[in-house]
Amino acid sequence: QTIHDFLREAARSQIAVVYYAGHGVQVDGRNYLVPVDIEFKAGARMTDAMVDMDTIMAGLDDQIRTNILILDACRNNPFGSRGLRSSDGGLAQMRAPEGTLIAFATAPGQVALDGEGANSPFSAALSRHLGTPGLEVQQMLTRVHAEVVAATKGKQVPWSNSSLLGEVYLAEK
């Protein structure tokens, strides 16, 4: 319901920002976000209890506004052998429709590190740069990427896919 409410509000906005930090899995080439309160129902597919990224992308694909999706959800299958046997590590590559930027904590098919502190290396770096006044979003992500690579000694390399048509600022110039 929260996602449907968000998509309804986004339809009236100039910029829609989706930020997700948590478990995300790739199943048969599709990306799913795993809710913290996930409940599986007997007889249902495991993916029915997750949020399909295709649903979010379809709800944002009207080319009217700018969409920024930031996903720190590139993880291993959290369910192990209990299900999702077709799950691959990390998230699958996603196409960014016109006017959209998708930022991932690491490259497609790779697994992001959780880090030592309260936040992952990606979320920690993002929090340091997200509100920087006058910093264009792609420049901000370049700084985040550099910090993550340095903090993980090259073990994690953030990735983004963009079809933005101009400069986007998330904090006042």
N, C-alpha and C. Protein backbone atom coordinates (compact mmCIF):
# COMPACT_ATOMS: atom_id res chain seq x y z
N GLN A 1 0.82 -1.19 0.00
CA GLN A 1 0.00 0.00 0.00
C GLN A 1 0.87 1.26 0.00
N THR A 2 1.96 1.24 0.76
CA THR A 2 2.86 2.39 0.84
C THR A 2 3.41 2.74 -0.54
N ILE A 3 3.77 1.72 -1.29
CA ILE A 3 4.32 1.96 -2.64
C ILE A 3 3.26 2.54 -3.56
N HIS A 4 2.06 2.02 -3.49
CA HIS A 4 0.98 2.57 -4.33
C HIS A 4 0.69 4.02 -3.96
N ASP A 5 0.70 4.33 -2.67
CA ASP A 5 0.49 5.72 -2.23
C ASP A 5 1.62 6.61 -2.74
N PHE A 6 2.86 6.12 -2.65
CA PHE A 6 4.00 6.90 -3.15
C PHE A 6 3.87 7.17 -4.65
N LEU A 7 3.53 6.16 -5.42
CA LEU A 7 3.42 6.32 -6.87
C LEU A 7 2.30 7.30 -7.23
N ARG A 8 1.23 7.30 -6.47
CA ARG A 8 0.13 8.24 -6.71
C ARG A 8 0.62 9.67 -6.45
N GLU A 9 1.36 9.88 -5.36
CA GLU A 9 1.92 11.20 -5.05
C GLU A 9 2.97 11.61 -6.09
N ALA A 10 3.79 10.66 -6.51
CA ALA A 10 4.85 10.96 -7.48
C ALA A 10 4.28 11.45 -8.80
N ALA A 11 3.09 11.01 -9.14
CA ALA A 11 2.47 11.42 -10.40
C ALA A 11 2.26 12.93 -10.44
N ARG A 12 2.23 13.59 -9.28
CA ARG A 12 2.02 15.05 -9.22
C ARG A 12 3.29 15.81 -8.89
N SER A 13 4.43 15.14 -8.97
CA SER A 13 5.70 15.75 -8.56
C SER A 13 6.62 16.00 -9.74
N GLN A 14 7.56 16.91 -9.56
CA GLN A 14 8.58 17.16 -10.59
C GLN A 14 9.74 16.18 -10.46
N ILE A 15 10.04 15.78 -9.21
CA ILE A 15 11.12 14.81 -8.95
C ILE A 15 10.59 13.76 -7.98
N ALA A 16 10.84 12.50 -8.31
CA ALA A 16 10.51 11.40 -7.40
C ALA A 16 11.82 10.73 -7.01
N VAL A 17 12.04 10.58 -5.70
CA VAL A 17 13.25 9.93 -5.21
C VAL A 17 12.85 8.69 -4.43
N VAL A 18 13.42 7.55 -4.82
CA VAL A 18 13.22 6.30 -4.10
C VAL A 18 14.58 5.91 -3.53
N TYR A 19 14.63 5.74 -2.22
CA TYR A 19 15.84 5.27 -1.56
C TYR A 19 15.48 4.01 -0.80
N TYR A 20 16.23 2.95 -1.04
CA TYR A 20 15.98 1.70 -0.33
C TYR A 20 17.29 1.11 0.12
N ALA A 21 17.38 0.82 1.42
CA ALA A 21 18.53 0.12 1.97
C ALA A 21 17.99 -1.10 2.70
N GLY A 22 18.45 -2.24 2.31
CA GLY A 22 17.97 -3.49 2.90
C GLY A 22 18.27 -4.63 1.96
N HIS A 23 17.57 -5.72 2.15
CA HIS A 23 17.79 -6.87 1.28
C HIS A 23 17.05 -6.70 -0.03
N GLY A 24 17.74 -7.04 -1.08
CA GLY A 24 17.17 -7.11 -2.41
C GLY A 24 17.72 -8.36 -3.07
N VAL A 25 16.90 -9.03 -3.84
CA VAL A 25 17.35 -10.25 -4.50
C VAL A 25 16.98 -10.23 -5.97
N GLN A 26 17.75 -10.96 -6.73
CA GLN A 26 17.50 -11.14 -8.15
C GLN A 26 16.99 -12.57 -8.34
N VAL A 27 15.82 -12.70 -8.92
CA VAL A 27 15.25 -14.01 -9.18
C VAL A 27 14.87 -14.06 -10.65
N ASP A 28 15.48 -14.99 -11.36
CA ASP A 28 15.21 -15.14 -12.80
C ASP A 28 15.37 -13.82 -13.55
N GLY A 29 16.39 -13.04 -13.17
CA GLY A 29 16.69 -11.79 -13.88
C GLY A 29 15.84 -10.60 -13.46
N ARG A 30 14.95 -10.77 -12.48
CA ARG A 30 14.11 -9.68 -11.99
C ARG A 30 14.54 -9.33 -10.57
N ASN A 31 14.43 -8.05 -10.24
CA ASN A 31 14.86 -7.57 -8.93
C ASN A 31 13.66 -7.41 -7.99
N TYR A 32 13.86 -7.88 -6.76
CA TYR A 32 12.83 -7.78 -5.72
C TYR A 32 13.44 -7.17 -4.47
N LEU A 33 12.66 -6.30 -3.81
CA LEU A 33 13.04 -5.76 -2.52
C LEU A 33 12.34 -6.60 -1.45
N VAL A 34 13.07 -6.92 -0.40
CA VAL A 34 12.54 -7.80 0.64
C VAL A 34 12.11 -6.96 1.84
N PRO A 35 10.81 -6.90 2.13
CA PRO A 35 10.34 -6.13 3.28
C PRO A 35 10.88 -6.70 4.59
N VAL A 36 11.10 -5.84 5.58
CA VAL A 36 11.62 -6.31 6.87
C VAL A 36 10.58 -7.16 7.60
N ASP A 37 9.32 -6.96 7.29
CA ASP A 37 8.26 -7.73 7.96
C ASP A 37 7.65 -8.78 7.02
N ILE A 38 8.50 -9.33 6.16
CA ILE A 38 8.02 -10.28 5.16
C ILE A 38 7.31 -11.47 5.82
N GLU A 39 6.18 -11.83 5.26
CA GLU A 39 5.41 -12.98 5.73
C GLU A 39 5.09 -13.85 4.52
N PHE A 40 5.48 -15.09 4.61
CA PHE A 40 5.21 -16.02 3.53
C PHE A 40 3.90 -16.75 3.80
N LYS A 41 3.10 -16.91 2.74
CA LYS A 41 1.84 -17.64 2.86
C LYS A 41 2.01 -19.01 2.24
N ALA A 42 1.47 -20.00 2.91
CA ALA A 42 1.55 -21.37 2.41
C ALA A 42 0.96 -21.46 1.00
N GLY A 43 1.68 -22.11 0.13
CA GLY A 43 1.22 -22.30 -1.24
C GLY A 43 1.52 -21.15 -2.19
N ALA A 44 1.98 -20.01 -1.66
CA ALA A 44 2.29 -18.86 -2.51
C ALA A 44 3.77 -18.90 -2.89
N ARG A 45 4.10 -18.24 -3.99
CA ARG A 45 5.50 -18.11 -4.37
C ARG A 45 6.17 -17.12 -3.40
N MET A 46 7.43 -17.36 -3.12
CA MET A 46 8.15 -16.46 -2.21
C MET A 46 8.17 -15.03 -2.74
N THR A 47 8.27 -14.88 -4.04
CA THR A 47 8.35 -13.54 -4.62
C THR A 47 7.05 -12.76 -4.45
N ASP A 48 5.92 -13.45 -4.18
CA ASP A 48 4.66 -12.74 -3.97
C ASP A 48 4.70 -11.86 -2.72
N ALA A 49 5.56 -12.18 -1.77
CA ALA A 49 5.67 -11.42 -0.52
C ALA A 49 6.69 -10.29 -0.63
N MET A 50 7.34 -10.16 -1.78
CA MET A 50 8.37 -9.14 -1.97
C MET A 50 7.85 -8.04 -2.91
N VAL A 51 8.61 -6.96 -3.00
CA VAL A 51 8.25 -5.84 -3.88
C VAL A 51 9.04 -5.99 -5.18
N ASP A 52 8.33 -6.16 -6.27
CA ASP A 52 8.94 -6.30 -7.59
C ASP A 52 9.35 -4.91 -8.09
N MET A 53 10.63 -4.72 -8.37
CA MET A 53 11.11 -3.42 -8.87
C MET A 53 10.45 -3.04 -10.18
N ASP A 54 10.03 -4.02 -10.97
CA ASP A 54 9.33 -3.70 -12.21
C ASP A 54 8.03 -2.94 -11.94
N THR A 55 7.38 -3.23 -10.82
CA THR A 55 6.15 -2.52 -10.45
C THR A 55 6.46 -1.05 -10.18
N ILE A 56 7.53 -0.80 -9.44
CA ILE A 56 7.91 0.58 -9.15
C ILE A 56 8.31 1.30 -10.44
N MET A 57 9.12 0.65 -11.25
CA MET A 57 9.57 1.27 -12.51
C MET A 57 8.39 1.58 -13.42
N ALA A 58 7.43 0.67 -13.52
CA ALA A 58 6.25 0.91 -14.37
C ALA A 58 5.45 2.11 -13.85
N GLY A 59 5.37 2.25 -12.54
CA GLY A 59 4.63 3.37 -11.96
C GLY A 59 5.31 4.71 -12.14
N LEU A 60 6.61 4.70 -12.42
CA LEU A 60 7.36 5.94 -12.61
C LEU A 60 7.66 6.24 -14.08
N ASP A 61 7.28 5.36 -14.96
CA ASP A 61 7.67 5.48 -16.37
C ASP A 61 6.66 6.26 -17.20
N ASP A 62 6.49 7.56 -16.85
CA ASP A 62 5.60 8.38 -17.66
C ASP A 62 6.32 9.54 -18.33
N GLN A 63 7.63 9.66 -18.11
CA GLN A 63 8.48 10.66 -18.74
C GLN A 63 8.06 12.10 -18.46
N ILE A 64 7.31 12.31 -17.38
CA ILE A 64 6.88 13.65 -17.02
C ILE A 64 7.81 14.26 -15.99
N ARG A 65 8.30 13.46 -15.09
CA ARG A 65 9.14 13.96 -14.01
C ARG A 65 10.51 13.29 -14.08
N THR A 66 11.41 13.78 -13.24
CA THR A 66 12.72 13.15 -13.06
C THR A 66 12.59 12.12 -11.95
N ASN A 67 13.15 10.95 -12.18
CA ASN A 67 13.12 9.87 -11.19
C ASN A 67 14.53 9.52 -10.77
N ILE A 68 14.76 9.45 -9.47
CA ILE A 68 16.04 9.04 -8.91
C ILE A 68 15.77 7.83 -8.02
N LEU A 69 16.37 6.70 -8.36
CA LEU A 69 16.24 5.49 -7.54
C LEU A 69 17.62 5.14 -7.01
N ILE A 70 17.73 5.01 -5.71
CA ILE A 70 19.01 4.70 -5.06
C ILE A 70 18.80 3.41 -4.28
N LEU A 71 19.52 2.36 -4.69
CA LEU A 71 19.30 1.03 -4.12
C LEU A 71 20.57 0.49 -3.47
N ASP A 72 20.54 0.43 -2.16
CA ASP A 72 21.60 -0.24 -1.41
C ASP A 72 21.02 -1.58 -0.98
N ALA A 73 20.77 -2.41 -1.98
CA ALA A 73 20.05 -3.67 -1.74
C ALA A 73 20.68 -4.83 -2.49
N CYS A 74 21.93 -4.71 -2.84
CA CYS A 74 22.60 -5.73 -3.64
C CYS A 74 23.20 -6.76 -2.70
N ARG A 75 22.42 -7.75 -2.34
CA ARG A 75 22.83 -8.70 -1.32
C ARG A 75 22.71 -10.14 -1.83
N ASN A 76 23.26 -11.05 -1.03
CA ASN A 76 23.06 -12.47 -1.29
C ASN A 76 21.63 -12.84 -0.95
N ASN A 77 21.19 -13.98 -1.44
CA ASN A 77 19.88 -14.52 -1.14
C ASN A 77 19.78 -14.74 0.38
N PRO A 78 18.93 -13.98 1.09
CA PRO A 78 18.85 -14.11 2.54
C PRO A 78 18.10 -15.37 3.00
N PHE A 79 17.53 -16.11 2.07
CA PHE A 79 16.71 -17.25 2.43
C PHE A 79 17.44 -18.58 2.33
N GLY A 80 18.66 -18.54 1.82
CA GLY A 80 19.47 -19.76 1.72
C GLY A 80 18.76 -20.85 0.94
N SER A 81 18.87 -22.06 1.41
CA SER A 81 18.31 -23.20 0.68
C SER A 81 16.81 -23.37 0.93
N ARG A 82 16.19 -22.49 1.74
CA ARG A 82 14.76 -22.61 2.03
C ARG A 82 13.90 -22.14 0.86
N GLY A 83 14.49 -21.59 -0.14
CA GLY A 83 13.70 -21.12 -1.28
C GLY A 83 14.54 -20.28 -2.20
N LEU A 84 13.93 -19.78 -3.25
CA LEU A 84 14.59 -18.93 -4.23
C LEU A 84 15.84 -19.58 -4.81
N ARG A 85 15.74 -20.84 -5.17
CA ARG A 85 16.89 -21.52 -5.74
C ARG A 85 17.39 -20.85 -7.02
N SER A 86 16.50 -20.12 -7.68
CA SER A 86 16.90 -19.45 -8.91
C SER A 86 17.44 -18.05 -8.65
N SER A 87 17.69 -17.73 -7.40
CA SER A 87 18.19 -16.41 -7.04
C SER A 87 19.70 -16.33 -7.28
N ASP A 88 20.11 -15.25 -7.91
CA ASP A 88 21.53 -14.98 -8.13
C ASP A 88 21.98 -13.91 -7.14
N GLY A 89 23.29 -13.81 -6.90
CA GLY A 89 23.83 -12.79 -6.02
C GLY A 89 23.66 -11.41 -6.63
N GLY A 90 23.44 -10.42 -5.78
CA GLY A 90 23.32 -9.04 -6.24
C GLY A 90 22.04 -8.82 -7.02
N LEU A 91 21.91 -7.63 -7.58
CA LEU A 91 20.74 -7.29 -8.37
C LEU A 91 21.07 -7.34 -9.85
N ALA A 92 20.04 -7.53 -10.65
CA ALA A 92 20.20 -7.54 -12.10
C ALA A 92 20.27 -6.11 -12.61
N GLN A 93 20.88 -5.94 -13.75
CA GLN A 93 20.94 -4.62 -14.38
C GLN A 93 19.53 -4.17 -14.72
N MET A 94 19.27 -2.88 -14.56
CA MET A 94 17.95 -2.32 -14.88
C MET A 94 18.12 -1.17 -15.85
N ARG A 95 17.22 -1.11 -16.80
CA ARG A 95 17.21 -0.01 -17.77
C ARG A 95 16.60 1.22 -17.11
N ALA A 96 17.24 2.36 -17.30
CA ALA A 96 16.73 3.62 -16.78
C ALA A 96 15.93 4.31 -17.88
N PRO A 97 14.61 4.34 -17.76
CA PRO A 97 13.80 5.02 -18.77
C PRO A 97 14.15 6.51 -18.83
N GLU A 98 13.73 7.17 -19.88
CA GLU A 98 14.05 8.59 -20.07
C GLU A 98 13.73 9.40 -18.81
N GLY A 99 14.70 10.22 -18.38
CA GLY A 99 14.52 11.07 -17.22
C GLY A 99 14.75 10.37 -15.89
N THR A 100 15.42 9.22 -15.93
CA THR A 100 15.60 8.41 -14.72
C THR A 100 17.07 8.13 -14.47
N LEU A 101 17.45 8.12 -13.20
CA LEU A 101 18.78 7.69 -12.77
C LEU A 101 18.58 6.59 -11.74
N ILE A 102 19.27 5.48 -11.94
CA ILE A 102 19.24 4.39 -10.97
C ILE A 102 20.66 4.20 -10.46
N ALA A 103 20.83 4.32 -9.15
CA ALA A 103 22.15 4.14 -8.52
C ALA A 103 22.11 2.88 -7.66
N PHE A 104 23.10 2.04 -7.85
CA PHE A 104 23.21 0.79 -7.10
C PHE A 104 24.45 0.86 -6.20
N ALA A 105 24.39 0.18 -5.07
CA ALA A 105 25.52 0.14 -4.15
C ALA A 105 26.72 -0.56 -4.77
N THR A 106 26.48 -1.42 -5.74
CA THR A 106 27.57 -2.12 -6.42
C THR A 106 27.12 -2.52 -7.82
N ALA A 107 28.03 -3.05 -8.61
CA ALA A 107 27.76 -3.39 -10.00
C ALA A 107 26.73 -4.52 -10.10
N PRO A 108 26.04 -4.63 -11.26
CA PRO A 108 25.06 -5.70 -11.44
C PRO A 108 25.67 -7.07 -11.19
N GLY A 109 24.92 -7.90 -10.47
CA GLY A 109 25.37 -9.26 -10.19
C GLY A 109 26.40 -9.38 -9.08
N GLN A 110 26.82 -8.25 -8.53
CA GLN A 110 27.80 -8.26 -7.44
C GLN A 110 27.07 -8.06 -6.11
N VAL A 111 27.74 -8.42 -5.03
CA VAL A 111 27.14 -8.30 -3.71
C VAL A 111 27.82 -7.16 -2.95
N ALA A 112 27.00 -6.26 -2.40
CA ALA A 112 27.51 -5.12 -1.63
C ALA A 112 27.89 -5.57 -0.23
N LEU A 113 28.84 -4.87 0.35
CA LEU A 113 29.30 -5.17 1.70
C LEU A 113 28.41 -4.47 2.72
N ASP A 114 28.24 -5.11 3.88
CA ASP A 114 27.44 -4.51 4.95
C ASP A 114 28.21 -3.46 5.72
N GLY A 115 29.54 -3.57 5.77
CA GLY A 115 30.36 -2.60 6.49
C GLY A 115 30.47 -2.92 7.96
N GLU A 116 31.20 -2.07 8.66
CA GLU A 116 31.49 -2.27 10.08
C GLU A 116 30.53 -1.52 10.99
N GLY A 117 30.04 -0.39 10.56
CA GLY A 117 29.22 0.47 11.42
C GLY A 117 27.73 0.22 11.23
N ALA A 118 26.96 1.25 11.58
CA ALA A 118 25.50 1.16 11.49
C ALA A 118 25.03 1.14 10.04
N ASN A 119 25.81 1.73 9.14
CA ASN A 119 25.43 1.80 7.74
C ASN A 119 26.44 1.06 6.86
N SER A 120 25.99 0.68 5.69
CA SER A 120 26.89 0.08 4.70
C SER A 120 27.85 1.14 4.21
N PRO A 121 28.95 0.75 3.57
CA PRO A 121 29.86 1.76 3.00
C PRO A 121 29.14 2.70 2.02
N PHE A 122 28.20 2.17 1.24
CA PHE A 122 27.46 2.98 0.27
C PHE A 122 26.55 3.98 0.98
N SER A 123 25.75 3.51 1.93
CA SER A 123 24.83 4.42 2.65
C SER A 123 25.59 5.46 3.46
N ALA A 124 26.71 5.06 4.04
CA ALA A 124 27.52 6.01 4.81
C ALA A 124 28.04 7.13 3.90
N ALA A 125 28.58 6.77 2.75
CA ALA A 125 29.09 7.77 1.81
C ALA A 125 27.96 8.63 1.26
N LEU A 126 26.85 8.00 0.95
CA LEU A 126 25.69 8.74 0.43
C LEU A 126 25.21 9.78 1.45
N SER A 127 25.16 9.41 2.71
CA SER A 127 24.69 10.34 3.74
C SER A 127 25.60 11.56 3.88
N ARG A 128 26.87 11.40 3.55
CA ARG A 128 27.81 12.53 3.64
C ARG A 128 27.64 13.51 2.47
N HIS A 129 27.08 13.07 1.36
CA HIS A 129 27.03 13.93 0.17
C HIS A 129 25.62 14.30 -0.30
N LEU A 130 24.63 13.60 0.15
CA LEU A 130 23.27 13.78 -0.37
C LEU A 130 22.74 15.19 -0.23
N GLY A 131 22.99 15.83 0.89
CA GLY A 131 22.46 17.17 1.13
C GLY A 131 23.42 18.29 0.82
N THR A 132 24.49 18.02 0.08
CA THR A 132 25.47 19.05 -0.23
C THR A 132 24.86 20.10 -1.16
N PRO A 133 24.75 21.34 -0.69
CA PRO A 133 24.16 22.39 -1.54
C PRO A 133 24.96 22.59 -2.83
N GLY A 134 24.23 22.74 -3.94
CA GLY A 134 24.85 23.03 -5.22
C GLY A 134 25.56 21.87 -5.88
N LEU A 135 25.41 20.67 -5.35
CA LEU A 135 26.08 19.51 -5.94
C LEU A 135 25.08 18.76 -6.81
N GLU A 136 25.37 18.69 -8.10
CA GLU A 136 24.51 17.99 -9.05
C GLU A 136 24.51 16.51 -8.73
N VAL A 137 23.39 15.82 -8.93
CA VAL A 137 23.21 14.45 -8.47
C VAL A 137 24.25 13.48 -9.04
N GLN A 138 24.64 13.65 -10.30
CA GLN A 138 25.63 12.73 -10.86
C GLN A 138 27.03 13.01 -10.31
N GLN A 139 27.32 14.29 -10.01
CA GLN A 139 28.58 14.61 -9.35
C GLN A 139 28.59 14.04 -7.94
N MET A 140 27.45 14.13 -7.26
CA MET A 140 27.33 13.57 -5.92
C MET A 140 27.61 12.08 -5.95
N LEU A 141 27.03 11.36 -6.91
CA LEU A 141 27.25 9.92 -7.00
C LEU A 141 28.69 9.58 -7.33
N THR A 142 29.37 10.42 -8.11
CA THR A 142 30.79 10.20 -8.39
C THR A 142 31.59 10.25 -7.10
N ARG A 143 31.27 11.20 -6.23
CA ARG A 143 31.96 11.29 -4.93
C ARG A 143 31.65 10.07 -4.06
N VAL A 144 30.39 9.65 -4.06
CA VAL A 144 29.99 8.47 -3.30
C VAL A 144 30.74 7.24 -3.81
N HIS A 145 30.76 7.07 -5.13
CA HIS A 145 31.45 5.93 -5.72
C HIS A 145 32.92 5.89 -5.31
N ALA A 146 33.58 7.03 -5.39
CA ALA A 146 35.01 7.09 -5.03
C ALA A 146 35.22 6.72 -3.56
N GLU A 147 34.36 7.23 -2.69
CA GLU A 147 34.50 6.90 -1.26
C GLU A 147 34.28 5.42 -0.99
N VAL A 148 33.30 4.82 -1.65
CA VAL A 148 33.01 3.39 -1.44
C VAL A 148 34.17 2.54 -1.93
N VAL A 149 34.71 2.85 -3.09
CA VAL A 149 35.85 2.09 -3.62
C VAL A 149 37.03 2.19 -2.66
N ALA A 150 37.29 3.40 -2.15
CA ALA A 150 38.40 3.58 -1.21
C ALA A 150 38.13 2.84 0.11
N ALA A 151 36.92 2.97 0.64
CA ALA A 151 36.59 2.35 1.93
C ALA A 151 36.63 0.82 1.87
N THR A 152 36.30 0.26 0.70
CA THR A 152 36.27 -1.20 0.57
C THR A 152 37.52 -1.75 -0.11
N LYS A 153 38.50 -0.87 -0.33
CA LYS A 153 39.75 -1.26 -1.01
C LYS A 153 39.47 -1.96 -2.34
N GLY A 154 38.51 -1.41 -3.06
CA GLY A 154 38.19 -1.90 -4.41
C GLY A 154 37.30 -3.13 -4.45
N LYS A 155 36.86 -3.62 -3.31
CA LYS A 155 36.00 -4.82 -3.30
C LYS A 155 34.57 -4.51 -3.72
N GLN A 156 34.18 -3.25 -3.60
CA GLN A 156 32.82 -2.84 -3.99
C GLN A 156 32.92 -1.60 -4.85
N VAL A 157 32.34 -1.68 -6.04
CA VAL A 157 32.34 -0.55 -6.97
C VAL A 157 30.89 -0.20 -7.31
N PRO A 158 30.38 0.92 -6.76
CA PRO A 158 29.01 1.31 -7.07
C PRO A 158 28.82 1.51 -8.57
N TRP A 159 27.59 1.43 -8.98
CA TRP A 159 27.24 1.49 -10.39
C TRP A 159 25.97 2.31 -10.55
N SER A 160 25.85 3.01 -11.65
CA SER A 160 24.61 3.73 -11.92
C SER A 160 24.28 3.66 -13.40
N ASN A 161 23.01 3.85 -13.68
CA ASN A 161 22.50 3.85 -15.04
C ASN A 161 21.61 5.09 -15.15
N SER A 162 21.89 5.94 -16.10
CA SER A 162 21.18 7.20 -16.18
C SER A 162 20.72 7.53 -17.59
N SER A 163 19.52 8.09 -17.66
CA SER A 163 19.04 8.69 -18.89
C SER A 163 18.49 10.08 -18.59
N LEU A 164 19.12 10.75 -17.61
CA LEU A 164 18.70 12.10 -17.26
C LEU A 164 18.92 13.02 -18.45
N LEU A 165 18.03 13.98 -18.59
CA LEU A 165 18.10 14.89 -19.73
C LEU A 165 18.69 16.25 -19.37
N GLY A 166 19.08 16.41 -18.13
CA GLY A 166 19.67 17.67 -17.68
C GLY A 166 20.24 17.49 -16.29
N GLU A 167 20.70 18.59 -15.73
CA GLU A 167 21.26 18.55 -14.39
C GLU A 167 20.13 18.49 -13.36
N VAL A 168 20.38 17.72 -12.30
CA VAL A 168 19.39 17.57 -11.23
C VAL A 168 20.09 17.87 -9.91
N TYR A 169 19.47 18.72 -9.10
CA TYR A 169 20.01 19.07 -7.78
C TYR A 169 18.99 18.65 -6.73
N LEU A 170 19.45 17.90 -5.74
CA LEU A 170 18.57 17.47 -4.67
C LEU A 170 18.65 18.41 -3.48
N ALA A 171 19.67 19.26 -3.45
CA ALA A 171 19.79 20.29 -2.42
C ALA A 171 19.93 21.64 -3.13
N GLU A 172 19.44 22.67 -2.50
CA GLU A 172 19.49 24.02 -3.11
C GLU A 172 20.87 24.35 -3.63
N LYS A 173 20.91 25.12 -4.74
CA LYS A 173 22.18 25.53 -5.33
C LYS A 173 22.89 26.55 -4.47
